[in-house]
């Protein structure tokens, strides 16, 4: 069973910075980590002219490219795939799954807040694990961490059963 939580916040609040820091910290502690990023718009991982791009252009519903050191999977979907379904496809040996975004999914959440990008709460009180901020005072009962305290946030997540210990 992998540990799952989401990092949520308004655009440019610093979500990616927090995810990056947690990935580095959890890897330092020996954990296998997966990050699942939600995009509001579509995205393209392939480049015109490559073989995989040509296969997709030909109409393939899924294109997979594999090598000794990496695997990439691009699949056409008829509707947005749920976080639960994405996680079910991950390697079961992953220890921690960090979802960036997915604010509408029901799971524990760390909210990233900055005055400059918006302070309207996203996570419900029931889902809120912690807040990462450098300038927002939030009345919800959750511990606050600065962007320079990612190690302490990782310790807190371990105490909550959502990550590896030191």
Foldseek 3Di string as FASTA:
>chain_A
DAFEEEEEEFPPLCSVLLVVLLVVLQVVVPFAEAEAEDDPDDDDPDDPPDPQVVVVVVPDQKGWDDDPPDIDIDGDDPDDDDPVVVVVPDDPRHHAYYYYHPLVDDAAYEYRDDPVRDDDDRHDLVRYAEYEYDDDDDPRPHHYHYSVPSVVVQCSCVVVVRGDHD
